[in-house]
Amino acid sequence: MDCGNALFDSNAKFESGTGWPSFWETIAAENVHEKKDFSAGVLRTEVKCTLCDAHLGHVFTDGPEPTGLRYCMNSAALILIPRKT
């Protein structure tokens, strides 16, 4: 993703055991939008960037508290920006 939209914070990252970067919340709900996805033959919820409409991954309802969500993201869609100290 090249648009620079702020999507996820490392404070919401967790080890899901899937091999994909996983987060329990977005930085801001308005930075992503969800779309129903039947491409794999089952209903999933695709996550897309609101600025550039890039495919980011999928969100599932088997994540940890406090949200119970698992945003399972494609690492190629993310740019990691170090925190300023």
PDB file of N, CA and C in Angstrom:
ATOM      1  N   MET A   1       0.843  -1.168   0.000  1.00  0.00           N
ATOM      2  CA  MET A   1       0.000   0.000   0.000  1.00  0.00           C
ATOM      3  C   MET A   1       0.889   1.231   0.000  1.00  0.00           C
ATOM      4  N   ASP A   2       0.620   2.152  -0.860  1.00  0.00           N
ATOM      5  CA  ASP A   2       1.478   3.319  -1.004  1.00  0.00           C
ATOM      6  C   ASP A   2       0.838   4.626  -0.562  1.00  0.00           C
ATOM      7  N   CYS A   3      -0.388   4.615  -0.087  1.00  0.00           N
ATOM      8  CA  CYS A   3      -1.074   5.871   0.178  1.00  0.00           C
ATOM      9  C   CYS A   3      -0.692   6.497   1.515  1.00  0.00           C
ATOM     10  N   GLY A   4      -0.096   5.736   2.436  1.00  0.00           N
ATOM     11  CA  GLY A   4       0.349   6.284   3.714  1.00  0.00           C
ATOM     12  C   GLY A   4      -0.738   6.378   4.771  1.00  0.00           C
ATOM     13  N   ASN A   5      -1.894   5.803   4.542  1.00  0.00           N
ATOM     14  CA  ASN A   5      -2.983   5.827   5.518  1.00  0.00           C
ATOM     15  C   ASN A   5      -2.548   5.068   6.778  1.00  0.00           C
ATOM     16  N   ALA A   6      -2.790   5.651   7.948  1.00  0.00           N
ATOM     17  CA  ALA A   6      -2.468   4.998   9.225  1.00  0.00           C
ATOM     18  C   ALA A   6      -3.517   3.925   9.506  1.00  0.00           C
ATOM     19  N   LEU A   7      -3.087   2.672   9.623  1.00  0.00           N
ATOM     20  CA  LEU A   7      -4.024   1.557   9.727  1.00  0.00           C
ATOM     21  C   LEU A   7      -4.005   0.861  11.073  1.00  0.00           C
ATOM     22  N   PHE A   8      -2.837   0.431  11.527  1.00  0.00           N
ATOM     23  CA  PHE A   8      -2.730  -0.354  12.751  1.00  0.00           C
ATOM     24  C   PHE A   8      -1.560   0.138  13.582  1.00  0.00           C
ATOM     25  N   ASP A   9      -1.659  -0.030  14.881  1.00  0.00           N
ATOM     26  CA  ASP A   9      -0.591   0.336  15.807  1.00  0.00           C
ATOM     27  C   ASP A   9      -0.025  -0.947  16.405  1.00  0.00           C
ATOM     28  N   SER A  10       1.265  -0.980  16.609  1.00  0.00           N
ATOM     29  CA  SER A  10       1.899  -2.185  17.159  1.00  0.00           C
ATOM     30  C   SER A  10       1.374  -2.526  18.562  1.00  0.00           C
ATOM     31  N   ASN A  11       0.804  -1.562  19.272  1.00  0.00           N
ATOM     32  CA  ASN A  11       0.223  -1.848  20.589  1.00  0.00           C
ATOM     33  C   ASN A  11      -0.992  -2.763  20.494  1.00  0.00           C
ATOM     34  N   ALA A  12      -1.605  -2.853  19.324  1.00  0.00           N
ATOM     35  CA  ALA A  12      -2.760  -3.729  19.119  1.00  0.00           C
ATOM     36  C   ALA A  12      -2.372  -5.021  18.400  1.00  0.00           C
ATOM     37  N   LYS A  13      -1.080  -5.248  18.186  1.00  0.00           N
ATOM     38  CA  LYS A  13      -0.608  -6.455  17.497  1.00  0.00           C
ATOM     39  C   LYS A  13      -0.543  -7.614  18.494  1.00  0.00           C
ATOM     40  N   PHE A  14      -0.847  -8.803  18.030  1.00  0.00           N
ATOM     41  CA  PHE A  14      -0.739  -9.992  18.877  1.00  0.00           C
ATOM     42  C   PHE A  14      -0.332 -11.185  18.031  1.00  0.00           C
ATOM     43  N   GLU A  15       0.156 -12.208  18.680  1.00  0.00           N
ATOM     44  CA  GLU A  15       0.581 -13.431  18.007  1.00  0.00           C
ATOM     45  C   GLU A  15      -0.637 -14.335  17.874  1.00  0.00           C
ATOM     46  N   SER A  16      -1.124 -14.481  16.642  1.00  0.00           N
ATOM     47  CA  SER A  16      -2.340 -15.265  16.407  1.00  0.00           C
ATOM     48  C   SER A  16      -2.045 -16.723  16.074  1.00  0.00           C
ATOM     49  N   GLY A  17      -0.770 -17.037  15.795  1.00  0.00           N
ATOM     50  CA  GLY A  17      -0.419 -18.395  15.415  1.00  0.00           C
ATOM     51  C   GLY A  17      -0.716 -18.695  13.953  1.00  0.00           C
ATOM     52  N   THR A  18      -1.095 -17.681  13.182  1.00  0.00           N
ATOM     53  CA  THR A  18      -1.451 -17.888  11.778  1.00  0.00           C
ATOM     54  C   THR A  18      -0.292 -17.625  10.833  1.00  0.00           C
ATOM     55  N   GLY A  19       0.734 -16.927  11.301  1.00  0.00           N
ATOM     56  CA  GLY A  19       1.834 -16.533  10.437  1.00  0.00           C
ATOM     57  C   GLY A  19       1.598 -15.191   9.766  1.00  0.00           C
ATOM     58  N   TRP A  20       0.430 -14.614   9.944  1.00  0.00           N
ATOM     59  CA  TRP A  20       0.082 -13.314   9.373  1.00  0.00           C
ATOM     60  C   TRP A  20       0.118 -12.257  10.471  1.00  0.00           C
ATOM     61  N   PRO A  21       0.537 -11.026  10.162  1.00  0.00           N
ATOM     62  CA  PRO A  21       0.449  -9.964  11.163  1.00  0.00           C
ATOM     63  C   PRO A  21      -1.016  -9.802  11.588  1.00  0.00           C
ATOM     64  N   SER A  22      -1.258  -9.840  12.893  1.00  0.00           N
ATOM     65  CA  SER A  22      -2.631  -9.771  13.395  1.00  0.00           C
ATOM     66  C   SER A  22      -2.770  -8.670  14.434  1.00  0.00           C
ATOM     67  N   PHE A  23      -3.889  -7.978  14.376  1.00  0.00           N
ATOM     68  CA  PHE A  23      -4.179  -6.854  15.261  1.00  0.00           C
ATOM     69  C   PHE A  23      -5.600  -7.001  15.782  1.00  0.00           C
ATOM     70  N   TRP A  24      -5.859  -6.526  17.011  1.00  0.00           N
ATOM     71  CA  TRP A  24      -7.201  -6.621  17.565  1.00  0.00           C
ATOM     72  C   TRP A  24      -8.021  -5.357  17.349  1.00  0.00           C
ATOM     73  N   GLU A  25      -7.413  -4.293  16.798  1.00  0.00           N
ATOM     74  CA  GLU A  25      -8.165  -3.095  16.439  1.00  0.00           C
ATOM     75  C   GLU A  25      -7.384  -2.278  15.417  1.00  0.00           C
ATOM     76  N   THR A  26      -8.095  -1.394  14.733  1.00  0.00           N
ATOM     77  CA  THR A  26      -7.472  -0.465  13.802  1.00  0.00           C
ATOM     78  C   THR A  26      -7.123   0.821  14.548  1.00  0.00           C
ATOM     79  N   ILE A  27      -6.279   1.650  13.948  1.00  0.00           N
ATOM     80  CA  ILE A  27      -5.984   2.956  14.547  1.00  0.00           C
ATOM     81  C   ILE A  27      -7.253   3.798  14.586  1.00  0.00           C
ATOM     82  N   ALA A  28      -7.995   3.816  13.489  1.00  0.00           N
ATOM     83  CA  ALA A  28      -9.252   4.564  13.399  1.00  0.00           C
ATOM     84  C   ALA A  28     -10.190   3.819  12.455  1.00  0.00           C
ATOM     85  N   ALA A  29     -11.410   3.605  12.886  1.00  0.00           N
ATOM     86  CA  ALA A  29     -12.370   2.835  12.086  1.00  0.00           C
ATOM     87  C   ALA A  29     -12.582   3.435  10.702  1.00  0.00           C
ATOM     88  N   GLU A  30     -12.480   4.749  10.593  1.00  0.00           N
ATOM     89  CA  GLU A  30     -12.714   5.390   9.299  1.00  0.00           C
ATOM     90  C   GLU A  30     -11.565   5.187   8.309  1.00  0.00           C
ATOM     91  N   ASN A  31     -10.448   4.607   8.728  1.00  0.00           N
ATOM     92  CA  ASN A  31      -9.308   4.386   7.834  1.00  0.00           C
ATOM     93  C   ASN A  31      -9.404   3.090   7.046  1.00  0.00           C
ATOM     94  N   VAL A  32     -10.328   2.223   7.433  1.00  0.00           N
ATOM     95  CA  VAL A  32     -10.547   0.970   6.702  1.00  0.00           C
ATOM     96  C   VAL A  32     -12.043   0.801   6.447  1.00  0.00           C
ATOM     97  N   HIS A  33     -12.362   0.008   5.443  1.00  0.00           N
ATOM     98  CA  HIS A  33     -13.754  -0.391   5.249  1.00  0.00           C
ATOM     99  C   HIS A  33     -13.789  -1.887   5.000  1.00  0.00           C
ATOM    100  N   GLU A  34     -14.933  -2.475   5.287  1.00  0.00           N
ATOM    101  CA  GLU A  34     -15.099  -3.917   5.181  1.00  0.00           C
ATOM    102  C   GLU A  34     -16.037  -4.255   4.041  1.00  0.00           C
ATOM    103  N   LYS A  35     -15.773  -5.400   3.433  1.00  0.00           N
ATOM    104  CA  LYS A  35     -16.561  -5.859   2.291  1.00  0.00           C
ATOM    105  C   LYS A  35     -16.737  -7.369   2.413  1.00  0.00           C
ATOM    106  N   LYS A  36     -17.922  -7.865   2.175  1.00  0.00           N
ATOM    107  CA  LYS A  36     -18.167  -9.307   2.193  1.00  0.00           C
ATOM    108  C   LYS A  36     -17.387  -9.950   1.047  1.00  0.00           C
ATOM    109  N   ASP A  37     -16.756 -11.085   1.326  1.00  0.00           N
ATOM    110  CA  ASP A  37     -15.886 -11.758   0.369  1.00  0.00           C
ATOM    111  C   ASP A  37     -16.250 -13.239   0.308  1.00  0.00           C
ATOM    112  N   PHE A  38     -16.697 -13.716  -0.854  1.00  0.00           N
ATOM    113  CA  PHE A  38     -17.031 -15.122  -1.074  1.00  0.00           C
ATOM    114  C   PHE A  38     -15.998 -15.821  -1.953  1.00  0.00           C
ATOM    115  N   SER A  39     -14.858 -15.191  -2.227  1.00  0.00           N
ATOM    116  CA  SER A  39     -13.896 -15.705  -3.208  1.00  0.00           C
ATOM    117  C   SER A  39     -13.307 -17.065  -2.844  1.00  0.00           C
ATOM    118  N   ALA A  40     -13.263 -17.415  -1.579  1.00  0.00           N
ATOM    119  CA  ALA A  40     -12.699 -18.705  -1.169  1.00  0.00           C
ATOM    120  C   ALA A  40     -13.782 -19.764  -0.967  1.00  0.00           C
ATOM    121  N   GLY A  41     -15.012 -19.448  -1.378  1.00  0.00           N
ATOM    122  CA  GLY A  41     -16.097 -20.401  -1.229  1.00  0.00           C
ATOM    123  C   GLY A  41     -16.776 -20.355   0.126  1.00  0.00           C
ATOM    124  N   VAL A  42     -16.302 -19.495   1.015  1.00  0.00           N
ATOM    125  CA  VAL A  42     -16.914 -19.278   2.327  1.00  0.00           C
ATOM    126  C   VAL A  42     -17.022 -17.769   2.542  1.00  0.00           C
ATOM    127  N   LEU A  43     -17.949 -17.366   3.389  1.00  0.00           N
ATOM    128  CA  LEU A  43     -18.108 -15.949   3.677  1.00  0.00           C
ATOM    129  C   LEU A  43     -16.987 -15.465   4.593  1.00  0.00           C
ATOM    130  N   ARG A  44     -16.255 -14.473   4.120  1.00  0.00           N
ATOM    131  CA  ARG A  44     -15.236 -13.807   4.941  1.00  0.00           C
ATOM    132  C   ARG A  44     -15.491 -12.311   4.832  1.00  0.00           C
ATOM    133  N   THR A  45     -14.842 -11.542   5.698  1.00  0.00           N
ATOM    134  CA  THR A  45     -14.956 -10.090   5.651  1.00  0.00           C
ATOM    135  C   THR A  45     -13.610  -9.513   5.255  1.00  0.00           C
ATOM    136  N   GLU A  46     -13.548  -8.972   4.052  1.00  0.00           N
ATOM    137  CA  GLU A  46     -12.332  -8.362   3.536  1.00  0.00           C
ATOM    138  C   GLU A  46     -12.155  -6.981   4.161  1.00  0.00           C
ATOM    139  N   VAL A  47     -10.900  -6.608   4.425  1.00  0.00           N
ATOM    140  CA  VAL A  47     -10.571  -5.280   4.943  1.00  0.00           C
ATOM    141  C   VAL A  47      -9.824  -4.528   3.844  1.00  0.00           C
ATOM    142  N   LYS A  48     -10.287  -3.302   3.547  1.00  0.00           N
ATOM    143  CA  LYS A  48      -9.688  -2.486   2.497  1.00  0.00           C
ATOM    144  C   LYS A  48      -9.384  -1.092   3.044  1.00  0.00           C
ATOM    145  N   CYS A  49      -8.412  -0.442   2.449  1.00  0.00           N
ATOM    146  CA  CYS A  49      -8.042   0.921   2.813  1.00  0.00           C
ATOM    147  C   CYS A  49      -9.091   1.883   2.261  1.00  0.00           C
ATOM    148  N   THR A  50      -9.535   2.843   3.074  1.00  0.00           N
ATOM    149  CA  THR A  50     -10.525   3.798   2.593  1.00  0.00           C
ATOM    150  C   THR A  50      -9.925   4.818   1.630  1.00  0.00           C
ATOM    151  N   LEU A  51      -8.623   5.071   1.697  1.00  0.00           N
ATOM    152  CA  LEU A  51      -8.022   6.056   0.806  1.00  0.00           C
ATOM    153  C   LEU A  51      -7.743   5.516  -0.587  1.00  0.00           C
ATOM    154  N   CYS A  52      -7.141   4.326  -0.665  1.00  0.00           N
ATOM    155  CA  CYS A  52      -6.725   3.811  -1.980  1.00  0.00           C
ATOM    156  C   CYS A  52      -7.442   2.524  -2.387  1.00  0.00           C
ATOM    157  N   ASP A  53      -8.310   2.012  -1.529  1.00  0.00           N
ATOM    158  CA  ASP A  53      -9.101   0.802  -1.791  1.00  0.00           C
ATOM    159  C   ASP A  53      -8.246  -0.457  -1.926  1.00  0.00           C
ATOM    160  N   ALA A  54      -7.017  -0.437  -1.412  1.00  0.00           N
ATOM    161  CA  ALA A  54      -6.149  -1.620  -1.472  1.00  0.00           C
ATOM    162  C   ALA A  54      -6.677  -2.728  -0.564  1.00  0.00           C
ATOM    163  N   HIS A  55      -6.521  -3.964  -1.016  1.00  0.00           N
ATOM    164  CA  HIS A  55      -6.831  -5.129  -0.190  1.00  0.00           C
ATOM    165  C   HIS A  55      -5.773  -5.239   0.907  1.00  0.00           C
ATOM    166  N   LEU A  56      -6.214  -5.306   2.163  1.00  0.00           N
ATOM    167  CA  LEU A  56      -5.295  -5.398   3.296  1.00  0.00           C
ATOM    168  C   LEU A  56      -5.276  -6.783   3.922  1.00  0.00           C
ATOM    169  N   GLY A  57      -6.388  -7.475   3.880  1.00  0.00           N
ATOM    170  CA  GLY A  57      -6.507  -8.781   4.516  1.00  0.00           C
ATOM    171  C   GLY A  57      -7.957  -9.034   4.858  1.00  0.00           C
ATOM    172  N   HIS A  58      -8.169  -9.764   5.958  1.00  0.00           N
ATOM    173  CA  HIS A  58      -9.523 -10.095   6.396  1.00  0.00           C
ATOM    174  C   HIS A  58      -9.633  -9.905   7.898  1.00  0.00           C
ATOM    175  N   VAL A  59     -10.853  -9.714   8.380  1.00  0.00           N
ATOM    176  CA  VAL A  59     -11.094  -9.618   9.812  1.00  0.00           C
ATOM    177  C   VAL A  59     -11.989 -10.781  10.219  1.00  0.00           C
ATOM    178  N   PHE A  60     -11.651 -11.376  11.365  1.00  0.00           N
ATOM    179  CA  PHE A  60     -12.375 -12.529  11.903  1.00  0.00           C
ATOM    180  C   PHE A  60     -12.793 -12.221  13.335  1.00  0.00           C
ATOM    181  N   THR A  61     -13.742 -12.970  13.841  1.00  0.00           N
ATOM    182  CA  THR A  61     -14.277 -12.719  15.187  1.00  0.00           C
ATOM    183  C   THR A  61     -13.705 -13.673  16.233  1.00  0.00           C
ATOM    184  N   ASP A  62     -12.497 -14.174  16.003  1.00  0.00           N
ATOM    185  CA  ASP A  62     -11.864 -15.100  16.951  1.00  0.00           C
ATOM    186  C   ASP A  62     -10.624 -14.484  17.605  1.00  0.00           C
ATOM    187  N   GLY A  63     -10.584 -13.180  17.721  1.00  0.00           N
ATOM    188  CA  GLY A  63      -9.429 -12.492  18.295  1.00  0.00           C
ATOM    189  C   GLY A  63      -9.533 -12.324  19.800  1.00  0.00           C
ATOM    190  N   PRO A  64      -8.519 -11.712  20.383  1.00  0.00           N
ATOM    191  CA  PRO A  64      -8.484 -11.536  21.835  1.00  0.00           C
ATOM    192  C   PRO A  64      -9.347 -10.355  22.300  1.00  0.00           C
ATOM    193  N   GLU A  65      -9.566 -10.297  23.580  1.00  0.00           N
ATOM    194  CA  GLU A  65     -10.217  -9.134  24.180  1.00  0.00           C
ATOM    195  C   GLU A  65      -9.262  -7.956  24.076  1.00  0.00           C
ATOM    196  N   PRO A  66      -9.687  -6.738  24.017  1.00  0.00           N
ATOM    197  CA  PRO A  66     -11.041  -6.307  24.351  1.00  0.00           C
ATOM    198  C   PRO A  66     -12.031  -6.311  23.191  1.00  0.00           C
ATOM    199  N   THR A  67     -11.619  -6.521  21.956  1.00  0.00           N
ATOM    200  CA  THR A  67     -12.551  -6.435  20.838  1.00  0.00           C
ATOM    201  C   THR A  67     -13.060  -7.785  20.360  1.00  0.00           C
ATOM    202  N   GLY A  68     -12.279  -8.837  20.563  1.00  0.00           N
ATOM    203  CA  GLY A  68     -12.635 -10.146  20.031  1.00  0.00           C
ATOM    204  C   GLY A  68     -12.391 -10.268  18.537  1.00  0.00           C
ATOM    205  N   LEU A  69     -11.717  -9.258  17.959  1.00  0.00           N
ATOM    206  CA  LEU A  69     -11.458  -9.252  16.517  1.00  0.00           C
ATOM    207  C   LEU A  69     -10.021  -9.650  16.214  1.00  0.00           C
ATOM    208  N   ARG A  70      -9.842 -10.252  15.041  1.00  0.00           N
ATOM    209  CA  ARG A  70      -8.504 -10.570  14.541  1.00  0.00           C
ATOM    210  C   ARG A  70      -8.395 -10.024  13.128  1.00  0.00           C
ATOM    211  N   TYR A  71      -7.756  -8.872  13.009  1.00  0.00           N
ATOM    212  CA  TYR A  71      -7.462  -8.310  11.697  1.00  0.00           C
ATOM    213  C   TYR A  71      -6.214  -9.026  11.205  1.00  0.00           C
ATOM    214  N   CYS A  72      -6.399  -9.959  10.281  1.00  0.00           N
ATOM    215  CA  CYS A  72      -5.329 -10.794   9.744  1.00  0.00           C
ATOM    216  C   CYS A  72      -4.861 -10.131   8.452  1.00  0.00           C
ATOM    217  N   MET A  73      -3.716  -9.449   8.498  1.00  0.00           N
ATOM    218  CA  MET A  73      -3.300  -8.577   7.415  1.00  0.00           C
ATOM    219  C   MET A  73      -2.209  -9.177   6.547  1.00  0.00           C
ATOM    220  N   ASN A  74      -2.207  -8.787   5.304  1.00  0.00           N
ATOM    221  CA  ASN A  74      -1.171  -9.166   4.353  1.00  0.00           C
ATOM    222  C   ASN A  74       0.038  -8.271   4.631  1.00  0.00           C
ATOM    223  N   SER A  75       1.161  -8.846   5.000  1.00  0.00           N
ATOM    224  CA  SER A  75       2.339  -8.039   5.355  1.00  0.00           C
ATOM    225  C   SER A  75       2.816  -7.186   4.185  1.00  0.00           C
ATOM    226  N   ALA A  76       2.554  -7.606   2.950  1.00  0.00           N
ATOM    227  CA  ALA A  76       2.952  -6.807   1.788  1.00  0.00           C
ATOM    228  C   ALA A  76       2.138  -5.530   1.661  1.00  0.00           C
ATOM    229  N   ALA A  77       0.997  -5.469   2.362  1.00  0.00           N
ATOM    230  CA  ALA A  77       0.148  -4.275   2.316  1.00  0.00           C
ATOM    231  C   ALA A  77       0.492  -3.266   3.400  1.00  0.00           C
ATOM    232  N   LEU A  78       1.432  -3.615   4.277  1.00  0.00           N
ATOM    233  CA  LEU A  78       1.754  -2.750   5.410  1.00  0.00           C
ATOM    234  C   LEU A  78       3.157  -2.176   5.269  1.00  0.00           C
ATOM    235  N   ILE A  79       3.304  -0.939   5.685  1.00  0.00           N
ATOM    236  CA  ILE A  79       4.610  -0.308   5.813  1.00  0.00           C
ATOM    237  C   ILE A  79       4.803  -0.027   7.295  1.00  0.00           C
ATOM    238  N   LEU A  80       5.850  -0.588   7.865  1.00  0.00           N
ATOM    239  CA  LEU A  80       6.107  -0.404   9.290  1.00  0.00           C
ATOM    240  C   LEU A  80       6.914   0.876   9.499  1.00  0.00           C
ATOM    241  N   ILE A  81       6.405   1.729  10.354  1.00  0.00           N
ATOM    242  CA  ILE A  81       7.054   3.006  10.636  1.00  0.00           C
ATOM    243  C   ILE A  81       7.482   3.002  12.095  1.00  0.00           C
ATOM    244  N   PRO A  82       8.797   3.110  12.355  1.00  0.00           N
ATOM    245  CA  PRO A  82       9.276   3.107  13.746  1.00  0.00           C
ATOM    246  C   PRO A  82       8.721   4.291  14.525  1.00  0.00           C
ATOM    247  N   ARG A  83       8.471   4.048  15.810  1.00  0.00           N
ATOM    248  CA  ARG A  83       8.027   5.121  16.691  1.00  0.00           C
ATOM    249  C   ARG A  83       9.178   6.075  16.947  1.00  0.00           C
ATOM    250  N   LYS A  84       8.862   7.332  17.054  1.00  0.00           N
ATOM    251  CA  LYS A  84       9.881   8.315  17.427  1.00  0.00           C
ATOM    252  C   LYS A  84      10.027   8.290  18.937  1.00  0.00           C
ATOM    253  N   THR A  85      11.262   8.273  19.399  1.00  0.00           N
ATOM    254  CA  THR A  85      11.494   8.211  20.843  1.00  0.00           C
ATOM    255  C   THR A  85      11.758   9.573  21.416  1.00  0.00           C
TER     256      THR A  85
END
